[in-house]
Amino acid sequence: MIGGRVLDTTALTDYATSRICARALVGAALRSGSLVLSVPSAALLAARGQLSEPARASLTELAALAPVVVDELTAETAGRCGDLLARSRARPPGDAVDAAHVAFSARTRGWPVVTSDPDRLLALDAAVSIERLP
């Protein structure tokens, strides 16, 4: 069985700015051949919006790597993510579209989310499994 991790906006920005733990996770996925990294497209968009041009180039390279799968935000997925936002007890502050897409991807795949800000995700889905980055 192939397992994986879902990378949220903070994990993507950590990777793009060369934070060691995020880089190590991607390196481990490349070496293992059995660890898939899911990148929800809404998180990719949010991360790119926070980064410099060189860091955005790192995300472009990341998305092209073999163990990385970009989860598209289709009309159906957008509807289901919106439902998740509508049902949440404590909506995260600010724009929460990326967090909803990440939580939805994690729930659908049954994989943990790699993040340095678990509170945003746990506000949407308290059952989502978290692997915290330092």
C-alpha atoms as a PDB file:
ATOM      1  CA  MET A   1       0.000   0.000   0.000  1.00  0.00           C
ATOM      2  CA  ILE A   2       1.302   3.427  -0.921  1.00  0.00           C
ATOM      3  CA  GLY A   3       1.122   6.026   1.813  1.00  0.00           C
ATOM      4  CA  GLY A   4       1.659   9.702   1.814  1.00  0.00           C
ATOM      5  CA  ARG A   5       1.417  13.112   3.363  1.00  0.00           C
ATOM      6  CA  VAL A   6      -0.566  16.212   2.461  1.00  0.00           C
ATOM      7  CA  LEU A   7       1.503  19.404   2.430  1.00  0.00           C
ATOM      8  CA  ASP A   8      -0.272  22.553   3.572  1.00  0.00           C
ATOM      9  CA  THR A   9       0.595  26.176   2.787  1.00  0.00           C
ATOM     10  CA  THR A  10       3.091  26.430   5.656  1.00  0.00           C
ATOM     11  CA  ALA A  11       4.885  23.230   4.612  1.00  0.00           C
ATOM     12  CA  LEU A  12       5.132  24.537   1.061  1.00  0.00           C
ATOM     13  CA  THR A  13       6.531  27.902   2.166  1.00  0.00           C
ATOM     14  CA  ASP A  14       8.973  26.093   4.468  1.00  0.00           C
ATOM     15  CA  TYR A  15      10.144  23.971   1.540  1.00  0.00           C
ATOM     16  CA  ALA A  16      10.452  26.967  -0.787  1.00  0.00           C
ATOM     17  CA  THR A  17      12.495  28.913   1.763  1.00  0.00           C
ATOM     18  CA  SER A  18      14.822  25.933   2.340  1.00  0.00           C
ATOM     19  CA  ARG A  19      13.748  25.024   5.869  1.00  0.00           C
ATOM     20  CA  ILE A  20      15.529  21.784   6.668  1.00  0.00           C
ATOM     21  CA  CYS A  21      12.614  19.642   7.923  1.00  0.00           C
ATOM     22  CA  ALA A  22      10.444  20.328   4.878  1.00  0.00           C
ATOM     23  CA  ARG A  23      13.389  19.694   2.552  1.00  0.00           C
ATOM     24  CA  ALA A  24      14.190  16.444   4.396  1.00  0.00           C
ATOM     25  CA  LEU A  25      10.623  15.183   3.964  1.00  0.00           C
ATOM     26  CA  VAL A  26      10.752  15.753   0.207  1.00  0.00           C
ATOM     27  CA  GLY A  27      14.167  14.076   0.065  1.00  0.00           C
ATOM     28  CA  ALA A  28      12.807  11.062   1.946  1.00  0.00           C
ATOM     29  CA  ALA A  29       9.877  10.825  -0.475  1.00  0.00           C
ATOM     30  CA  LEU A  30      12.252  10.919  -3.442  1.00  0.00           C
ATOM     31  CA  ARG A  31      14.420   8.160  -1.981  1.00  0.00           C
ATOM     32  CA  SER A  32      11.610   5.906  -0.765  1.00  0.00           C
ATOM     33  CA  GLY A  33       9.706   5.436  -3.985  1.00  0.00           C
ATOM     34  CA  SER A  34       6.610   4.680  -1.920  1.00  0.00           C
ATOM     35  CA  LEU A  35       5.846   7.959  -0.144  1.00  0.00           C
ATOM     36  CA  VAL A  36       3.541  10.281  -2.086  1.00  0.00           C
ATOM     37  CA  LEU A  37       3.276  13.986  -1.310  1.00  0.00           C
ATOM     38  CA  SER A  38      -0.097  15.548  -2.036  1.00  0.00           C
ATOM     39  CA  VAL A  39      -0.102  19.284  -2.759  1.00  0.00           C
ATOM     40  CA  PRO A  40      -3.604  20.774  -2.814  1.00  0.00           C
ATOM     41  CA  SER A  41      -3.685  23.417  -5.552  1.00  0.00           C
ATOM     42  CA  ALA A  42      -5.297  26.006  -3.240  1.00  0.00           C
ATOM     43  CA  ALA A  43      -2.338  25.625  -0.846  1.00  0.00           C
ATOM     44  CA  LEU A  44       0.087  25.933  -3.750  1.00  0.00           C
ATOM     45  CA  LEU A  45      -1.623  29.156  -4.827  1.00  0.00           C
ATOM     46  CA  ALA A  46      -1.577  30.572  -1.278  1.00  0.00           C
ATOM     47  CA  ALA A  47       2.093  29.692  -0.784  1.00  0.00           C
ATOM     48  CA  ARG A  48       3.161  31.203  -4.113  1.00  0.00           C
ATOM     49  CA  GLY A  49       1.399  34.429  -3.168  1.00  0.00           C
ATOM     50  CA  GLN A  50       3.664  34.815  -0.126  1.00  0.00           C
ATOM     51  CA  LEU A  51       7.021  34.106  -1.741  1.00  0.00           C
ATOM     52  CA  SER A  52       9.798  35.763  -3.736  1.00  0.00           C
ATOM     53  CA  GLU A  53      10.476  34.760  -7.341  1.00  0.00           C
ATOM     54  CA  PRO A  54      13.320  32.325  -6.464  1.00  0.00           C
ATOM     55  CA  ALA A  55      11.154  30.660  -3.818  1.00  0.00           C
ATOM     56  CA  ARG A  56       8.245  30.394  -6.279  1.00  0.00           C
ATOM     57  CA  ALA A  57      10.640  28.665  -8.679  1.00  0.00           C
ATOM     58  CA  SER A  58      11.336  26.086  -5.942  1.00  0.00           C
ATOM     59  CA  LEU A  59       7.610  25.338  -5.752  1.00  0.00           C
ATOM     60  CA  THR A  60       7.437  24.913  -9.522  1.00  0.00           C
ATOM     61  CA  GLU A  61      10.264  22.378  -9.277  1.00  0.00           C
ATOM     62  CA  LEU A  62       8.588  20.637  -6.330  1.00  0.00           C
ATOM     63  CA  ALA A  63       5.311  20.204  -8.216  1.00  0.00           C
ATOM     64  CA  ALA A  64       7.195  18.462 -11.036  1.00  0.00           C
ATOM     65  CA  LEU A  65       8.904  15.871  -8.815  1.00  0.00           C
ATOM     66  CA  ALA A  66       7.904  12.214  -9.167  1.00  0.00           C
ATOM     67  CA  PRO A  67       6.463  11.680  -5.667  1.00  0.00           C
ATOM     68  CA  VAL A  68       4.340  14.859  -5.813  1.00  0.00           C
ATOM     69  CA  VAL A  69       0.688  14.850  -6.842  1.00  0.00           C
ATOM     70  CA  VAL A  70      -1.106  18.182  -7.189  1.00  0.00           C
ATOM     71  CA  ASP A  71      -4.733  17.858  -6.072  1.00  0.00           C
ATOM     72  CA  GLU A  72      -6.777  20.046  -8.392  1.00  0.00           C
ATOM     73  CA  LEU A  73      -9.574  22.257  -7.109  1.00  0.00           C
ATOM     74  CA  THR A  74     -12.351  21.114  -9.432  1.00  0.00           C
ATOM     75  CA  ALA A  75     -15.945  22.338  -9.237  1.00  0.00           C
ATOM     76  CA  GLU A  76     -16.905  19.229  -7.254  1.00  0.00           C
ATOM     77  CA  THR A  77     -13.953  19.573  -4.881  1.00  0.00           C
ATOM     78  CA  ALA A  78     -14.659  23.288  -4.417  1.00  0.00           C
ATOM     79  CA  GLY A  79     -18.226  22.469  -3.432  1.00  0.00           C
ATOM     80  CA  ARG A  80     -17.131  19.857  -0.920  1.00  0.00           C
ATOM     81  CA  CYS A  81     -14.452  22.159   0.527  1.00  0.00           C
ATOM     82  CA  GLY A  82     -17.055  24.907   0.827  1.00  0.00           C
ATOM     83  CA  ASP A  83     -19.329  22.494   2.683  1.00  0.00           C
ATOM     84  CA  LEU A  84     -16.451  21.742   5.061  1.00  0.00           C
ATOM     85  CA  LEU A  85     -16.015  25.481   5.711  1.00  0.00           C
ATOM     86  CA  ALA A  86     -19.742  25.956   6.251  1.00  0.00           C
ATOM     87  CA  ARG A  87     -19.899  23.115   8.795  1.00  0.00           C
ATOM     88  CA  SER A  88     -16.796  24.120  10.753  1.00  0.00           C
ATOM     89  CA  ARG A  89     -17.293  25.178  14.354  1.00  0.00           C
ATOM     90  CA  ALA A  90     -14.386  27.622  14.403  1.00  0.00           C
ATOM     91  CA  ARG A  91     -13.455  28.981  11.005  1.00  0.00           C
ATOM     92  CA  PRO A  92      -9.769  29.925  10.730  1.00  0.00           C
ATOM     93  CA  PRO A  93      -9.052  33.651  10.470  1.00  0.00           C
ATOM     94  CA  GLY A  94      -8.568  35.174   7.041  1.00  0.00           C
ATOM     95  CA  ASP A  95      -9.013  33.346   3.771  1.00  0.00           C
ATOM     96  CA  ALA A  96      -9.494  29.698   4.649  1.00  0.00           C
ATOM     97  CA  VAL A  97      -9.875  28.220   1.156  1.00  0.00           C
ATOM     98  CA  ASP A  98      -6.384  26.720   1.246  1.00  0.00           C
ATOM     99  CA  ALA A  99      -6.955  25.197   4.693  1.00  0.00           C
ATOM    100  CA  ALA A 100     -10.280  23.724   3.573  1.00  0.00           C
ATOM    101  CA  HIS A 101      -8.687  22.178   0.474  1.00  0.00           C
ATOM    102  CA  VAL A 102      -5.852  20.738   2.581  1.00  0.00           C
ATOM    103  CA  ALA A 103      -8.250  19.294   5.181  1.00  0.00           C
ATOM    104  CA  PHE A 104     -10.462  17.866   2.444  1.00  0.00           C
ATOM    105  CA  SER A 105      -7.479  16.253   0.666  1.00  0.00           C
ATOM    106  CA  ALA A 106      -6.245  14.747   3.935  1.00  0.00           C
ATOM    107  CA  ARG A 107      -9.682  13.404   4.780  1.00  0.00           C
ATOM    108  CA  THR A 108     -10.205  11.958   1.290  1.00  0.00           C
ATOM    109  CA  ARG A 109      -6.775  10.319   1.109  1.00  0.00           C
ATOM    110  CA  GLY A 110      -6.616   9.258   4.760  1.00  0.00           C
ATOM    111  CA  TRP A 111      -3.169  10.840   5.085  1.00  0.00           C
ATOM    112  CA  PRO A 112      -1.758  13.185   7.728  1.00  0.00           C
ATOM    113  CA  VAL A 113      -1.123  16.859   7.015  1.00  0.00           C
ATOM    114  CA  VAL A 114       2.390  18.240   7.337  1.00  0.00           C
ATOM    115  CA  THR A 115       2.121  21.761   8.760  1.00  0.00           C
ATOM    116  CA  SER A 116       3.709  24.291  11.083  1.00  0.00           C
ATOM    117  CA  ASP A 117       0.273  25.776  11.900  1.00  0.00           C
ATOM    118  CA  PRO A 118      -2.061  22.924  12.906  1.00  0.00           C
ATOM    119  CA  ASP A 119      -4.627  25.191  14.587  1.00  0.00           C
ATOM    120  CA  ARG A 120      -5.975  26.451  11.232  1.00  0.00           C
ATOM    121  CA  LEU A 121      -6.655  22.905  10.091  1.00  0.00           C
ATOM    122  CA  LEU A 122      -7.940  21.563  13.378  1.00  0.00           C
ATOM    123  CA  ALA A 123     -10.486  24.395  13.497  1.00  0.00           C
ATOM    124  CA  LEU A 124     -11.977  22.966  10.305  1.00  0.00           C
ATOM    125  CA  ASP A 125     -11.621  19.276  11.062  1.00  0.00           C
ATOM    126  CA  ALA A 126     -10.619  18.199  14.562  1.00  0.00           C
ATOM    127  CA  ALA A 127     -10.101  14.629  13.341  1.00  0.00           C
ATOM    128  CA  VAL A 128      -7.433  15.466  10.762  1.00  0.00           C
ATOM    129  CA  SER A 129      -4.097  13.819  11.563  1.00  0.00           C
ATOM    130  CA  ILE A 130      -1.217  16.287  11.923  1.00  0.00           C
ATOM    131  CA  GLU A 131       2.547  15.954  11.541  1.00  0.00           C
ATOM    132  CA  ARG A 132       3.913  19.195  12.882  1.00  0.00           C
ATOM    133  CA  LEU A 133       6.928  20.941  11.426  1.00  0.00           C
ATOM    134  CA  PRO A 134       9.095  22.858  13.914  1.00  0.00           C
END
